[in-house]
Protein backbone atom coordinates (compact mmCIF):
# COMPACT_ATOMS: atom_id res chain seq x y z
CA MET A 1 73.11 -222.66 -95.02
CA GLY A 2 69.57 -224.06 -95.30
CA ARG A 3 69.40 -224.86 -91.60
CA ILE A 4 70.46 -221.35 -90.65
CA LEU A 5 68.06 -219.71 -93.11
CA ALA A 6 65.12 -221.88 -92.06
CA THR A 7 65.89 -221.16 -88.41
CA ALA A 8 66.14 -217.41 -88.96
CA LEU A 9 62.88 -217.32 -90.93
CA HIS A 10 61.03 -219.30 -88.28
CA VAL A 11 62.48 -217.43 -85.30
CA ARG A 12 61.48 -214.17 -87.00
CA LYS A 13 57.98 -215.69 -87.08
CA LEU A 14 58.01 -214.93 -90.79
CA ALA A 15 56.92 -218.40 -91.87
CA THR A 16 55.43 -221.51 -90.34
CA MET A 17 57.44 -224.73 -90.16
CA GLY A 18 55.00 -226.25 -92.63
CA LEU A 19 55.63 -223.51 -95.19
CA LEU A 20 59.40 -223.67 -94.65
CA GLY A 21 59.22 -227.42 -95.17
CA GLN A 22 57.44 -226.88 -98.49
CA LEU A 23 59.96 -224.27 -99.61
CA PHE A 24 63.00 -226.38 -98.64
CA GLY A 25 61.51 -229.69 -99.84
CA VAL A 26 61.55 -231.29 -96.37
CA THR A 27 59.02 -232.06 -93.65
CA ALA A 28 58.01 -229.60 -90.93
CA MET A 29 59.64 -232.01 -88.45
CA THR A 30 62.97 -231.64 -90.29
CA VAL A 31 62.67 -227.86 -90.01
CA SER A 32 61.91 -228.24 -86.30
CA ARG A 33 65.01 -230.39 -85.76
CA ALA A 34 67.15 -227.94 -87.74
CA LYS A 35 65.87 -225.06 -85.60
CA LYS A 36 66.64 -226.96 -82.39
CA GLU A 37 70.22 -227.46 -83.61
CA ALA A 38 70.89 -224.06 -85.17
CA HIS A 39 69.09 -221.60 -82.89
CA PRO A 40 71.28 -222.21 -79.80
CA LEU A 41 74.40 -221.88 -81.97
CA LEU A 42 73.21 -218.57 -83.41
CA GLU A 43 72.46 -217.26 -79.93
CA ALA A 44 75.80 -218.48 -78.56
CA HIS A 45 77.62 -216.55 -81.28
CA GLY A 46 75.68 -213.35 -80.61
CA HIS A 47 73.23 -213.57 -83.53
CA HIS A 48 69.87 -212.54 -82.10
CA VAL A 49 67.03 -212.68 -84.63
CA ASN A 50 64.29 -210.05 -84.33
CA THR A 51 60.63 -210.86 -84.89
CA SER A 52 59.09 -209.74 -88.18
CA THR A 53 55.71 -208.07 -88.52
CA ALA A 54 55.00 -210.02 -91.72
CA ARG A 55 53.47 -213.50 -91.57
CA LEU A 56 53.78 -215.82 -94.57
CA ARG A 57 51.65 -218.95 -94.58
CA THR A 58 51.52 -220.10 -98.21
CA PRO A 59 53.96 -220.25 -101.14
CA ALA A 60 51.82 -217.54 -102.80
CA ASP A 61 52.45 -215.26 -99.79
CA VAL A 62 56.19 -215.69 -100.38
CA THR A 63 55.99 -214.60 -104.01
CA THR A 64 53.86 -211.52 -103.30
CA PHE A 65 55.62 -210.40 -100.11
CA PRO A 66 58.74 -208.73 -101.63
CA GLY A 67 56.60 -206.55 -103.89
CA SER A 68 54.31 -205.34 -101.11
CA ASP A 69 56.83 -202.89 -99.62
CA PRO A 70 58.45 -200.25 -101.84
CA THR A 71 61.26 -199.67 -99.30
CA PRO A 72 64.55 -201.13 -100.55
CA THR A 73 65.80 -204.05 -98.47
CA LYS A 74 69.41 -204.11 -97.37
CA ILE A 75 70.88 -207.58 -97.15
CA LYS A 76 73.88 -208.13 -94.93
CA THR A 77 76.16 -210.81 -96.28
CA THR A 78 78.13 -212.96 -93.90
CA SER A 79 80.42 -215.93 -94.16
CA LEU A 80 78.62 -219.13 -93.22
CA LYS A 81 81.36 -221.72 -92.91
CA ASN A 82 80.59 -225.31 -92.04
CA CYS A 83 76.85 -224.92 -92.58
CA THR A 84 75.01 -227.97 -93.83
CA PRO A 85 71.83 -227.87 -95.89
CA LEU A 86 68.60 -229.36 -94.63
CA ALA A 87 68.34 -233.04 -95.46
CA PRO A 88 65.81 -233.79 -98.22
CA GLN A 89 62.71 -235.61 -97.06
CA SER A 90 62.60 -239.29 -97.85
CA SER A 91 60.09 -240.51 -100.40
CA SER A 92 59.24 -243.70 -98.52
């Protein structure tokens, strides 16, 4: 699920690859590879991700973003079978 989520957040232009790497505990390059794998699959299955107007660049932006809009957010739940998480970055 991590690959799909990271891809959706980046395609929405909501967060940079560097920020997503920090949030998922991986490198920006790992996020880039995950996006290259997952994005074509999402598109092939009819999941087109719209661009967001918000731009998050730091972990602090992530924590303050949900509280900045009083409009309730509706979350659509879906079944994500056979999704693999992002690989943790090596500590070498």
